[in-house]
Amino acid sequence: LPHTLTSQQLTCLMEAPEEGSAEGLRDAAMLELFIASGARISELARLSVDDFDTREGFVRLFGKGSKERIVPLYRRAIDAVSRYVQEGRPVLLASRGDGAAPALFISARGRAMDAAALRYRFDVLKRRAGIPADITPHAMRHTFATELLGGGADLRSVQELLGHASLSTTQLYTHLTPDRLKAAVSQAHPRG
């Protein structure tokens, strides 16, 4: 079964970025997007500033096979991305010289961050938060799905949000929420 973060681990991880710096604002935005959208690390690396609609509150992700999906974001994630774009990103771009780069996530050297660079930052933040070594960026995606199902979201909606082609892929997450399944049986079954 996929690894997920406990709520305490997630809280510690979300508090790990040093938000007083441009890099900290970037890292906070990255973590919020991971947990708010269920994005793969490769999807985050491909994001441009234009993939956000902060007014409507969604992000456009391009998944496997360049399949596009629109994922709504909660207010905290929108605020973290907006703050990074307005305050942190310009500082990081200034080190580039020309100040032009469409990528959302910018390194301290002013360049677009690829998946490996984002993975490295995740690992730095994970160590700072005291998160076990076996937790990977993909665990954020699993945590996103598990939290949605645990909160009552239906499997089809989670499938769409994750961009899974097959419902059977999404059903893997139902194994992580046995209490929810027990409650569904006792509530919906006529003999429950």
N, C-alpha and C. Protein backbone atom coordinates (compact mmCIF):
# COMPACT_ATOMS: atom_id res chain seq x y z
N LEU A 1 0.84 -1.18 0.00
CA LEU A 1 0.00 0.00 0.00
C LEU A 1 0.87 1.24 0.00
N PRO A 2 0.41 2.31 -0.61
CA PRO A 2 1.22 3.52 -0.66
C PRO A 2 1.39 4.15 0.72
N HIS A 3 2.54 4.80 0.89
CA HIS A 3 2.80 5.51 2.14
C HIS A 3 2.01 6.82 2.15
N THR A 4 1.50 7.17 3.32
CA THR A 4 0.84 8.46 3.51
C THR A 4 1.41 9.10 4.76
N LEU A 5 1.20 10.40 4.88
CA LEU A 5 1.66 11.12 6.05
C LEU A 5 0.54 11.15 7.09
N THR A 6 0.92 11.05 8.35
CA THR A 6 -0.06 11.25 9.41
C THR A 6 -0.37 12.75 9.47
N SER A 7 -1.42 13.11 10.15
CA SER A 7 -1.74 14.54 10.25
C SER A 7 -0.65 15.29 11.00
N GLN A 8 -0.02 14.66 11.98
CA GLN A 8 1.07 15.32 12.71
C GLN A 8 2.29 15.50 11.79
N GLN A 9 2.62 14.48 11.00
CA GLN A 9 3.73 14.60 10.06
C GLN A 9 3.45 15.70 9.03
N LEU A 10 2.23 15.74 8.55
CA LEU A 10 1.86 16.75 7.55
C LEU A 10 1.99 18.15 8.15
N THR A 11 1.54 18.33 9.37
CA THR A 11 1.66 19.63 10.03
C THR A 11 3.12 20.04 10.17
N CYS A 12 3.97 19.12 10.61
CA CYS A 12 5.40 19.41 10.76
C CYS A 12 6.04 19.75 9.42
N LEU A 13 5.67 19.03 8.38
CA LEU A 13 6.22 19.29 7.06
C LEU A 13 5.79 20.65 6.54
N MET A 14 4.53 20.99 6.73
CA MET A 14 4.01 22.27 6.23
C MET A 14 4.63 23.46 6.97
N GLU A 15 5.12 23.22 8.18
CA GLU A 15 5.76 24.28 8.95
C GLU A 15 7.27 24.36 8.72
N ALA A 16 7.83 23.46 7.90
CA ALA A 16 9.28 23.39 7.69
C ALA A 16 9.87 24.55 6.87
N PRO A 17 9.16 25.09 5.85
CA PRO A 17 9.78 26.18 5.07
C PRO A 17 10.03 27.43 5.91
N GLU A 18 11.14 28.09 5.62
CA GLU A 18 11.47 29.36 6.27
C GLU A 18 10.85 30.47 5.43
N GLU A 19 9.65 30.88 5.81
CA GLU A 19 8.87 31.79 4.97
C GLU A 19 9.39 33.22 4.92
N GLY A 20 10.45 33.52 5.66
CA GLY A 20 11.02 34.85 5.61
C GLY A 20 11.91 35.07 4.39
N SER A 21 12.11 34.03 3.58
CA SER A 21 12.98 34.14 2.41
C SER A 21 12.21 33.79 1.15
N ALA A 22 12.77 34.18 0.01
CA ALA A 22 12.15 33.85 -1.27
C ALA A 22 12.09 32.34 -1.46
N GLU A 23 13.15 31.65 -1.07
CA GLU A 23 13.16 30.19 -1.18
C GLU A 23 12.12 29.56 -0.26
N GLY A 24 11.95 30.12 0.92
CA GLY A 24 10.95 29.62 1.86
C GLY A 24 9.54 29.81 1.33
N LEU A 25 9.28 30.95 0.70
CA LEU A 25 7.97 31.18 0.10
C LEU A 25 7.72 30.17 -1.03
N ARG A 26 8.76 29.91 -1.82
CA ARG A 26 8.66 28.92 -2.90
C ARG A 26 8.37 27.54 -2.33
N ASP A 27 9.12 27.16 -1.29
CA ASP A 27 8.94 25.83 -0.69
C ASP A 27 7.55 25.68 -0.08
N ALA A 28 7.06 26.73 0.56
CA ALA A 28 5.71 26.68 1.15
C ALA A 28 4.66 26.51 0.05
N ALA A 29 4.83 27.23 -1.06
CA ALA A 29 3.89 27.11 -2.18
C ALA A 29 3.94 25.70 -2.76
N MET A 30 5.14 25.14 -2.88
CA MET A 30 5.29 23.79 -3.42
C MET A 30 4.56 22.77 -2.55
N LEU A 31 4.77 22.84 -1.23
CA LEU A 31 4.12 21.89 -0.33
C LEU A 31 2.60 22.05 -0.34
N GLU A 32 2.13 23.29 -0.34
CA GLU A 32 0.68 23.51 -0.38
C GLU A 32 0.08 22.94 -1.67
N LEU A 33 0.79 23.12 -2.79
CA LEU A 33 0.26 22.59 -4.04
C LEU A 33 0.26 21.07 -4.05
N PHE A 34 1.28 20.46 -3.47
CA PHE A 34 1.31 19.01 -3.38
C PHE A 34 0.05 18.50 -2.68
N ILE A 35 -0.23 19.03 -1.50
CA ILE A 35 -1.32 18.49 -0.70
C ILE A 35 -2.69 19.01 -1.13
N ALA A 36 -2.72 20.15 -1.81
CA ALA A 36 -4.00 20.73 -2.25
C ALA A 36 -4.47 20.17 -3.58
N SER A 37 -3.55 19.65 -4.40
CA SER A 37 -3.93 19.24 -5.74
C SER A 37 -3.69 17.77 -6.03
N GLY A 38 -2.89 17.10 -5.22
CA GLY A 38 -2.55 15.71 -5.51
C GLY A 38 -1.66 15.58 -6.73
N ALA A 39 -0.93 16.62 -7.05
CA ALA A 39 -0.08 16.62 -8.24
C ALA A 39 1.12 15.70 -8.07
N ARG A 40 1.54 15.15 -9.18
CA ARG A 40 2.81 14.43 -9.23
C ARG A 40 3.92 15.47 -9.25
N ILE A 41 5.13 15.08 -8.87
CA ILE A 41 6.24 16.02 -8.86
C ILE A 41 6.55 16.51 -10.27
N SER A 42 6.39 15.64 -11.26
CA SER A 42 6.62 16.05 -12.66
C SER A 42 5.60 17.09 -13.10
N GLU A 43 4.38 17.00 -12.57
CA GLU A 43 3.35 17.98 -12.91
C GLU A 43 3.68 19.33 -12.30
N LEU A 44 4.19 19.34 -11.07
CA LEU A 44 4.58 20.60 -10.44
C LEU A 44 5.74 21.24 -11.20
N ALA A 45 6.68 20.41 -11.66
CA ALA A 45 7.84 20.93 -12.39
C ALA A 45 7.42 21.57 -13.71
N ARG A 46 6.33 21.13 -14.30
CA ARG A 46 5.87 21.68 -15.58
C ARG A 46 4.98 22.92 -15.42
N LEU A 47 4.62 23.27 -14.21
CA LEU A 47 3.70 24.39 -14.00
C LEU A 47 4.32 25.72 -14.41
N SER A 48 3.49 26.53 -15.04
CA SER A 48 3.88 27.92 -15.30
C SER A 48 2.94 28.81 -14.50
N VAL A 49 3.31 30.06 -14.40
CA VAL A 49 2.47 31.01 -13.67
C VAL A 49 1.08 31.08 -14.30
N ASP A 50 1.01 30.92 -15.61
CA ASP A 50 -0.27 31.01 -16.33
C ASP A 50 -1.20 29.83 -16.07
N ASP A 51 -0.71 28.79 -15.41
CA ASP A 51 -1.55 27.63 -15.13
C ASP A 51 -2.45 27.84 -13.92
N PHE A 52 -2.37 29.02 -13.30
CA PHE A 52 -3.18 29.33 -12.13
C PHE A 52 -4.24 30.36 -12.45
N ASP A 53 -5.38 30.15 -11.87
CA ASP A 53 -6.43 31.17 -11.86
C ASP A 53 -6.73 31.42 -10.39
N THR A 54 -6.05 32.41 -9.82
CA THR A 54 -6.22 32.66 -8.39
C THR A 54 -7.59 33.26 -8.09
N ARG A 55 -8.18 33.93 -9.05
CA ARG A 55 -9.51 34.51 -8.83
C ARG A 55 -10.56 33.40 -8.72
N GLU A 56 -10.50 32.43 -9.61
CA GLU A 56 -11.46 31.32 -9.59
C GLU A 56 -11.02 30.20 -8.66
N GLY A 57 -9.73 30.16 -8.33
CA GLY A 57 -9.22 29.19 -7.38
C GLY A 57 -8.95 27.81 -7.93
N PHE A 58 -8.25 27.73 -9.06
CA PHE A 58 -7.89 26.42 -9.57
C PHE A 58 -6.52 26.45 -10.24
N VAL A 59 -5.98 25.25 -10.45
CA VAL A 59 -4.71 25.07 -11.15
C VAL A 59 -4.95 24.08 -12.29
N ARG A 60 -4.27 24.33 -13.40
CA ARG A 60 -4.35 23.44 -14.56
C ARG A 60 -3.09 22.56 -14.54
N LEU A 61 -3.30 21.25 -14.42
CA LEU A 61 -2.19 20.31 -14.37
C LEU A 61 -2.15 19.49 -15.66
N PHE A 62 -0.95 19.17 -16.08
CA PHE A 62 -0.76 18.33 -17.26
C PHE A 62 -0.10 17.04 -16.81
N GLY A 63 -0.88 15.96 -16.82
CA GLY A 63 -0.42 14.68 -16.29
C GLY A 63 0.22 13.81 -17.34
N LYS A 64 0.20 12.52 -17.07
CA LYS A 64 0.78 11.55 -17.98
C LYS A 64 0.08 11.63 -19.33
N GLY A 65 0.86 11.54 -20.38
CA GLY A 65 0.30 11.65 -21.73
C GLY A 65 -0.21 13.04 -22.04
N SER A 66 0.28 14.04 -21.32
CA SER A 66 -0.13 15.44 -21.48
C SER A 66 -1.63 15.64 -21.30
N LYS A 67 -2.26 14.76 -20.52
CA LYS A 67 -3.69 14.93 -20.23
C LYS A 67 -3.85 16.09 -19.25
N GLU A 68 -4.73 16.98 -19.61
CA GLU A 68 -4.98 18.16 -18.79
C GLU A 68 -6.12 17.90 -17.82
N ARG A 69 -5.95 18.41 -16.60
CA ARG A 69 -7.05 18.38 -15.64
C ARG A 69 -7.03 19.67 -14.84
N ILE A 70 -8.20 20.08 -14.44
CA ILE A 70 -8.38 21.29 -13.64
C ILE A 70 -8.68 20.85 -12.22
N VAL A 71 -7.89 21.36 -11.27
CA VAL A 71 -8.07 20.98 -9.87
C VAL A 71 -8.35 22.24 -9.05
N PRO A 72 -9.48 22.26 -8.34
CA PRO A 72 -9.75 23.40 -7.47
C PRO A 72 -8.80 23.41 -6.28
N LEU A 73 -8.46 24.58 -5.82
CA LEU A 73 -7.55 24.74 -4.69
C LEU A 73 -8.27 25.40 -3.52
N TYR A 74 -7.86 25.07 -2.34
CA TYR A 74 -8.42 25.73 -1.17
C TYR A 74 -7.68 27.05 -0.94
N ARG A 75 -8.26 27.92 -0.12
CA ARG A 75 -7.77 29.28 0.08
C ARG A 75 -6.31 29.34 0.53
N ARG A 76 -5.91 28.49 1.45
CA ARG A 76 -4.53 28.52 1.96
C ARG A 76 -3.53 28.26 0.83
N ALA A 77 -3.84 27.34 -0.07
CA ALA A 77 -2.95 27.04 -1.19
C ALA A 77 -2.89 28.21 -2.17
N ILE A 78 -4.04 28.81 -2.45
CA ILE A 78 -4.08 29.97 -3.34
C ILE A 78 -3.25 31.11 -2.76
N ASP A 79 -3.41 31.34 -1.46
CA ASP A 79 -2.65 32.41 -0.80
C ASP A 79 -1.15 32.13 -0.83
N ALA A 80 -0.75 30.88 -0.61
CA ALA A 80 0.68 30.54 -0.60
C ALA A 80 1.29 30.74 -1.98
N VAL A 81 0.58 30.32 -3.03
CA VAL A 81 1.08 30.51 -4.40
C VAL A 81 1.11 31.99 -4.75
N SER A 82 0.06 32.70 -4.41
CA SER A 82 0.00 34.14 -4.72
C SER A 82 1.13 34.90 -4.03
N ARG A 83 1.36 34.59 -2.78
CA ARG A 83 2.42 35.28 -2.04
C ARG A 83 3.78 34.98 -2.65
N TYR A 84 4.01 33.71 -3.01
CA TYR A 84 5.28 33.35 -3.65
C TYR A 84 5.44 34.07 -4.99
N VAL A 85 4.38 34.08 -5.81
CA VAL A 85 4.46 34.73 -7.13
C VAL A 85 4.70 36.23 -6.99
N GLN A 86 4.08 36.86 -6.02
CA GLN A 86 4.21 38.31 -5.85
C GLN A 86 5.49 38.72 -5.14
N GLU A 87 5.91 37.94 -4.14
CA GLU A 87 7.03 38.36 -3.30
C GLU A 87 8.31 37.54 -3.49
N GLY A 88 8.19 36.23 -3.60
CA GLY A 88 9.38 35.38 -3.65
C GLY A 88 9.93 35.17 -5.04
N ARG A 89 9.06 34.88 -5.98
CA ARG A 89 9.50 34.56 -7.35
C ARG A 89 10.29 35.70 -7.99
N PRO A 90 9.85 36.96 -7.87
CA PRO A 90 10.62 38.06 -8.47
C PRO A 90 12.05 38.15 -7.92
N VAL A 91 12.21 37.86 -6.63
CA VAL A 91 13.55 37.89 -6.03
C VAL A 91 14.41 36.80 -6.64
N LEU A 92 13.85 35.61 -6.80
CA LEU A 92 14.60 34.50 -7.39
C LEU A 92 14.92 34.77 -8.86
N LEU A 93 13.98 35.36 -9.58
CA LEU A 93 14.22 35.68 -10.99
C LEU A 93 15.27 36.77 -11.17
N ALA A 94 15.41 37.65 -10.19
CA ALA A 94 16.37 38.75 -10.29
C ALA A 94 17.80 38.22 -10.43
N SER A 95 18.09 37.07 -9.86
CA SER A 95 19.43 36.51 -9.98
C SER A 95 19.71 35.99 -11.38
N ARG A 96 18.68 35.84 -12.16
CA ARG A 96 18.81 35.37 -13.55
C ARG A 96 19.33 36.48 -14.45
N GLY A 97 18.92 37.69 -14.18
CA GLY A 97 19.36 38.82 -15.00
C GLY A 97 18.27 39.36 -15.89
N ASP A 98 17.67 38.48 -16.72
CA ASP A 98 16.64 38.97 -17.65
C ASP A 98 15.25 38.99 -17.03
N GLY A 99 15.07 38.30 -15.90
CA GLY A 99 13.79 38.33 -15.19
C GLY A 99 12.65 37.64 -15.90
N ALA A 100 12.95 36.85 -16.94
CA ALA A 100 11.89 36.21 -17.70
C ALA A 100 12.03 34.69 -17.63
N ALA A 101 11.02 34.06 -17.12
CA ALA A 101 10.94 32.60 -17.11
C ALA A 101 9.48 32.25 -16.87
N PRO A 102 8.90 31.42 -17.71
CA PRO A 102 7.48 31.07 -17.52
C PRO A 102 7.24 30.09 -16.38
N ALA A 103 8.26 29.33 -15.98
CA ALA A 103 8.08 28.31 -14.95
C ALA A 103 7.66 28.93 -13.63
N LEU A 104 6.83 28.22 -12.92
CA LEU A 104 6.39 28.70 -11.61
C LEU A 104 7.53 28.60 -10.60
N PHE A 105 8.13 27.43 -10.50
CA PHE A 105 9.14 27.22 -9.47
C PHE A 105 10.53 27.57 -9.99
N ILE A 106 11.16 28.53 -9.32
CA ILE A 106 12.45 29.07 -9.73
C ILE A 106 13.49 28.77 -8.65
N SER A 107 14.67 28.36 -9.09
CA SER A 107 15.75 28.05 -8.16
C SER A 107 16.41 29.33 -7.65
N ALA A 108 17.31 29.17 -6.69
CA ALA A 108 18.06 30.31 -6.15
C ALA A 108 18.94 30.94 -7.23
N ARG A 109 19.23 30.21 -8.28
CA ARG A 109 20.03 30.74 -9.40
C ARG A 109 19.18 31.36 -10.50
N GLY A 110 17.88 31.40 -10.26
CA GLY A 110 16.99 32.06 -11.22
C GLY A 110 16.55 31.19 -12.37
N ARG A 111 16.71 29.90 -12.26
CA ARG A 111 16.35 28.97 -13.34
C ARG A 111 15.11 28.16 -12.96
N ALA A 112 14.43 27.66 -13.99
CA ALA A 112 13.28 26.78 -13.75
C ALA A 112 13.74 25.52 -13.03
N MET A 113 12.97 25.11 -12.05
CA MET A 113 13.29 23.89 -11.30
C MET A 113 12.64 22.69 -11.97
N ASP A 114 13.44 21.65 -12.21
CA ASP A 114 12.90 20.42 -12.76
C ASP A 114 12.46 19.52 -11.60
N ALA A 115 11.97 18.32 -11.96
CA ALA A 115 11.46 17.41 -10.93
C ALA A 115 12.55 17.03 -9.93
N ALA A 116 13.78 16.84 -10.40
CA ALA A 116 14.87 16.47 -9.49
C ALA A 116 15.15 17.58 -8.48
N ALA A 117 15.10 18.83 -8.92
CA ALA A 117 15.33 19.96 -8.00
C ALA A 117 14.20 20.07 -6.98
N LEU A 118 12.97 19.86 -7.41
CA LEU A 118 11.84 19.89 -6.49
C LEU A 118 11.92 18.73 -5.49
N ARG A 119 12.35 17.56 -5.98
CA ARG A 119 12.51 16.40 -5.09
C ARG A 119 13.58 16.69 -4.05
N TYR A 120 14.66 17.32 -4.45
CA TYR A 120 15.73 17.67 -3.52
C TYR A 120 15.19 18.61 -2.43
N ARG A 121 14.44 19.64 -2.83
CA ARG A 121 13.87 20.58 -1.85
C ARG A 121 12.91 19.85 -0.91
N PHE A 122 12.11 18.93 -1.45
CA PHE A 122 11.19 18.16 -0.61
C PHE A 122 11.99 17.38 0.42
N ASP A 123 13.08 16.75 0.00
CA ASP A 123 13.90 15.97 0.93
C ASP A 123 14.51 16.85 2.02
N VAL A 124 14.95 18.05 1.66
CA VAL A 124 15.48 18.99 2.65
C VAL A 124 14.41 19.33 3.68
N LEU A 125 13.23 19.65 3.21
CA LEU A 125 12.12 20.01 4.11
C LEU A 125 11.69 18.81 4.95
N LYS A 126 11.69 17.65 4.36
CA LYS A 126 11.32 16.42 5.07
C LYS A 126 12.28 16.16 6.22
N ARG A 127 13.58 16.29 5.96
CA ARG A 127 14.57 16.08 7.04
C ARG A 127 14.40 17.13 8.13
N ARG A 128 14.17 18.39 7.72
CA ARG A 128 13.99 19.46 8.69
C ARG A 128 12.78 19.19 9.59
N ALA A 129 11.74 18.58 9.03
CA ALA A 129 10.51 18.30 9.77
C ALA A 129 10.56 16.99 10.54
N GLY A 130 11.63 16.22 10.36
CA GLY A 130 11.74 14.94 11.06
C GLY A 130 10.85 13.86 10.48
N ILE A 131 10.58 13.92 9.19
CA ILE A 131 9.72 12.94 8.52
C ILE A 131 10.57 11.72 8.14
N PRO A 132 10.04 10.51 8.28
CA PRO A 132 10.82 9.31 7.93
C PRO A 132 11.33 9.33 6.49
N ALA A 133 12.45 8.67 6.29
CA ALA A 133 13.12 8.66 4.98
C ALA A 133 12.29 8.00 3.89
N ASP A 134 11.38 7.08 4.24
CA ASP A 134 10.61 6.39 3.21
C ASP A 134 9.45 7.22 2.66
N ILE A 135 9.24 8.41 3.18
CA ILE A 135 8.20 9.30 2.66
C ILE A 135 8.78 10.06 1.47
N THR A 136 8.14 9.91 0.33
CA THR A 136 8.58 10.55 -0.91
C THR A 136 7.58 11.64 -1.31
N PRO A 137 7.92 12.44 -2.31
CA PRO A 137 6.93 13.42 -2.78
C PRO A 137 5.62 12.77 -3.21
N HIS A 138 5.71 11.54 -3.72
CA HIS A 138 4.49 10.87 -4.16
C HIS A 138 3.57 10.54 -2.99
N ALA A 139 4.12 10.46 -1.79
CA ALA A 139 3.30 10.23 -0.61
C ALA A 139 2.32 11.39 -0.38
N MET A 140 2.69 12.58 -0.85
CA MET A 140 1.77 13.72 -0.74
C MET A 140 0.52 13.47 -1.60
N ARG A 141 0.72 12.88 -2.77
CA ARG A 141 -0.39 12.54 -3.65
C ARG A 141 -1.28 11.49 -2.99
N HIS A 142 -0.65 10.48 -2.39
CA HIS A 142 -1.42 9.45 -1.69
C HIS A 142 -2.16 10.03 -0.49
N THR A 143 -1.52 10.94 0.21
CA THR A 143 -2.15 11.58 1.36
C THR A 143 -3.36 12.40 0.91
N PHE A 144 -3.21 13.13 -0.19
CA PHE A 144 -4.30 13.91 -0.78
C PHE A 144 -5.51 13.01 -1.03
N ALA A 145 -5.29 11.89 -1.72
CA ALA A 145 -6.39 10.99 -2.06
C ALA A 145 -7.02 10.37 -0.82
N THR A 146 -6.19 9.94 0.11
CA THR A 146 -6.68 9.32 1.33
C THR A 146 -7.50 10.29 2.16
N GLU A 147 -7.02 11.53 2.27
CA GLU A 147 -7.75 12.55 3.03
C GLU A 147 -9.10 12.84 2.38
N LEU A 148 -9.15 12.92 1.05
CA LEU A 148 -10.42 13.18 0.37
C LEU A 148 -11.42 12.05 0.63
N LEU A 149 -10.95 10.81 0.47
CA LEU A 149 -11.85 9.68 0.69
C LEU A 149 -12.28 9.60 2.16
N GLY A 150 -11.35 9.86 3.06
CA GLY A 150 -11.68 9.86 4.48
C GLY A 150 -12.66 10.95 4.86
N GLY A 151 -12.65 12.05 4.09
CA GLY A 151 -13.56 13.16 4.34
C GLY A 151 -14.90 13.01 3.66
N GLY A 152 -15.09 11.91 2.93
CA GLY A 152 -16.40 11.65 2.33
C GLY A 152 -16.49 11.86 0.83
N ALA A 153 -15.39 12.20 0.16
CA ALA A 153 -15.44 12.37 -1.30
C ALA A 153 -15.71 11.02 -1.96
N ASP A 154 -16.42 11.05 -3.07
CA ASP A 154 -16.69 9.81 -3.77
C ASP A 154 -15.50 9.41 -4.64
N LEU A 155 -15.39 8.14 -4.91
CA LEU A 155 -14.26 7.57 -5.62
C LEU A 155 -14.11 8.16 -7.02
N ARG A 156 -15.21 8.41 -7.70
CA ARG A 156 -15.16 8.96 -9.06
C ARG A 156 -14.57 10.38 -9.06
N SER A 157 -14.91 11.19 -8.08
CA SER A 157 -14.35 12.54 -7.98
C SER A 157 -12.86 12.50 -7.73
N VAL A 158 -12.43 11.60 -6.83
CA VAL A 158 -11.01 11.46 -6.54
C VAL A 158 -10.27 10.98 -7.79
N GLN A 159 -10.87 10.07 -8.53
CA GLN A 159 -10.28 9.61 -9.78
C GLN A 159 -10.03 10.78 -10.73
N GLU A 160 -11.02 11.64 -10.88
CA GLU A 160 -10.89 12.79 -11.77
C GLU A 160 -9.83 13.77 -11.27
N LEU A 161 -9.81 14.03 -9.98
CA LEU A 161 -8.83 14.96 -9.42
C LEU A 161 -7.40 14.45 -9.57
N LEU A 162 -7.22 13.13 -9.46
CA LEU A 162 -5.89 12.55 -9.61
C LEU A 162 -5.50 12.35 -11.07
N GLY A 163 -6.48 12.39 -11.97
CA GLY A 163 -6.18 12.17 -13.38
C GLY A 163 -5.97 10.72 -13.73
N HIS A 164 -6.55 9.81 -12.96
CA HIS A 164 -6.43 8.38 -13.25
C HIS A 164 -7.36 8.01 -14.40
N ALA A 165 -6.85 7.24 -15.33
CA ALA A 165 -7.68 6.78 -16.45
C ALA A 165 -8.65 5.69 -15.99
N SER A 166 -8.22 4.87 -15.04
CA SER A 166 -9.02 3.74 -14.59
C SER A 166 -9.44 3.92 -13.14
N LEU A 167 -10.67 3.59 -12.86
CA LEU A 167 -11.17 3.65 -11.49
C LEU A 167 -10.46 2.63 -10.60
N SER A 168 -10.02 1.53 -11.20
CA SER A 168 -9.34 0.51 -10.40
C SER A 168 -8.04 1.05 -9.81
N THR A 169 -7.38 1.97 -10.48
CA THR A 169 -6.17 2.60 -9.94
C THR A 169 -6.52 3.40 -8.70
N THR A 170 -7.61 4.12 -8.75
CA THR A 170 -8.04 4.96 -7.63
C THR A 170 -8.53 4.11 -6.47
N GLN A 171 -9.09 2.94 -6.75
CA GLN A 171 -9.63 2.07 -5.70
C GLN A 171 -8.57 1.61 -4.71
N LEU A 172 -7.30 1.69 -5.10
CA LEU A 172 -6.21 1.35 -4.19
C LEU A 172 -6.35 2.13 -2.89
N TYR A 173 -6.80 3.36 -2.96
CA TYR A 173 -6.89 4.21 -1.77
C TYR A 173 -8.01 3.81 -0.84
N THR A 174 -8.96 3.03 -1.30
CA THR A 174 -10.03 2.59 -0.40
C THR A 174 -9.50 1.62 0.63
N HIS A 175 -8.40 0.96 0.34
CA HIS A 175 -7.79 0.04 1.31
C HIS A 175 -7.21 0.79 2.49
N LEU A 176 -6.96 2.08 2.31
CA LEU A 176 -6.35 2.87 3.37
C LEU A 176 -7.37 3.45 4.33
N THR A 177 -8.65 3.29 4.03
CA THR A 177 -9.68 3.89 4.87
C THR A 177 -10.72 2.83 5.28
N PRO A 178 -10.31 1.78 5.99
CA PRO A 178 -11.26 0.72 6.35
C PRO A 178 -12.39 1.21 7.24
N ASP A 179 -12.15 2.18 8.10
CA ASP A 179 -13.22 2.69 8.96
C ASP A 179 -14.32 3.33 8.13
N ARG A 180 -13.92 4.03 7.07
CA ARG A 180 -14.90 4.65 6.19
C ARG A 180 -15.73 3.59 5.48
N LEU A 181 -15.08 2.51 5.05
CA LEU A 181 -15.81 1.44 4.38
C LEU A 181 -16.77 0.74 5.34
N LYS A 182 -16.35 0.52 6.57
CA LYS A 182 -17.23 -0.08 7.58
C LYS A 182 -18.45 0.80 7.82
N ALA A 183 -18.21 2.10 7.92
CA ALA A 183 -19.31 3.04 8.15
C ALA A 183 -20.28 3.04 6.97
N ALA A 184 -19.74 2.95 5.75
CA ALA A 184 -20.60 2.93 4.56
C ALA A 184 -21.48 1.69 4.53
N VAL A 185 -20.91 0.55 4.89
CA VAL A 185 -21.69 -0.69 4.92
C VAL A 185 -22.78 -0.61 5.98
N SER A 186 -22.42 -0.18 7.18
CA SER A 186 -23.42 -0.14 8.24
C SER A 186 -24.50 0.91 7.98
N GLN A 187 -24.16 1.95 7.26
CA GLN A 187 -25.13 3.00 6.97
C GLN A 187 -26.02 2.63 5.78
N ALA A 188 -25.44 2.04 4.76
CA ALA A 188 -26.18 1.85 3.51
C ALA A 188 -26.77 0.46 3.34
N HIS A 189 -26.23 -0.54 3.97
CA HIS A 189 -26.73 -1.90 3.76
C HIS A 189 -28.01 -2.11 4.58
N PRO A 190 -29.01 -2.70 3.96
CA PRO A 190 -30.29 -2.86 4.68
C PRO A 190 -30.18 -3.72 5.94
N ARG A 191 -29.20 -4.60 5.99
CA ARG A 191 -29.04 -5.45 7.16
C ARG A 191 -27.92 -4.94 8.07
N GLY A 192 -27.37 -3.73 7.72
CA GLY A 192 -26.25 -3.15 8.48
C GLY A 192 -26.66 -2.60 9.72
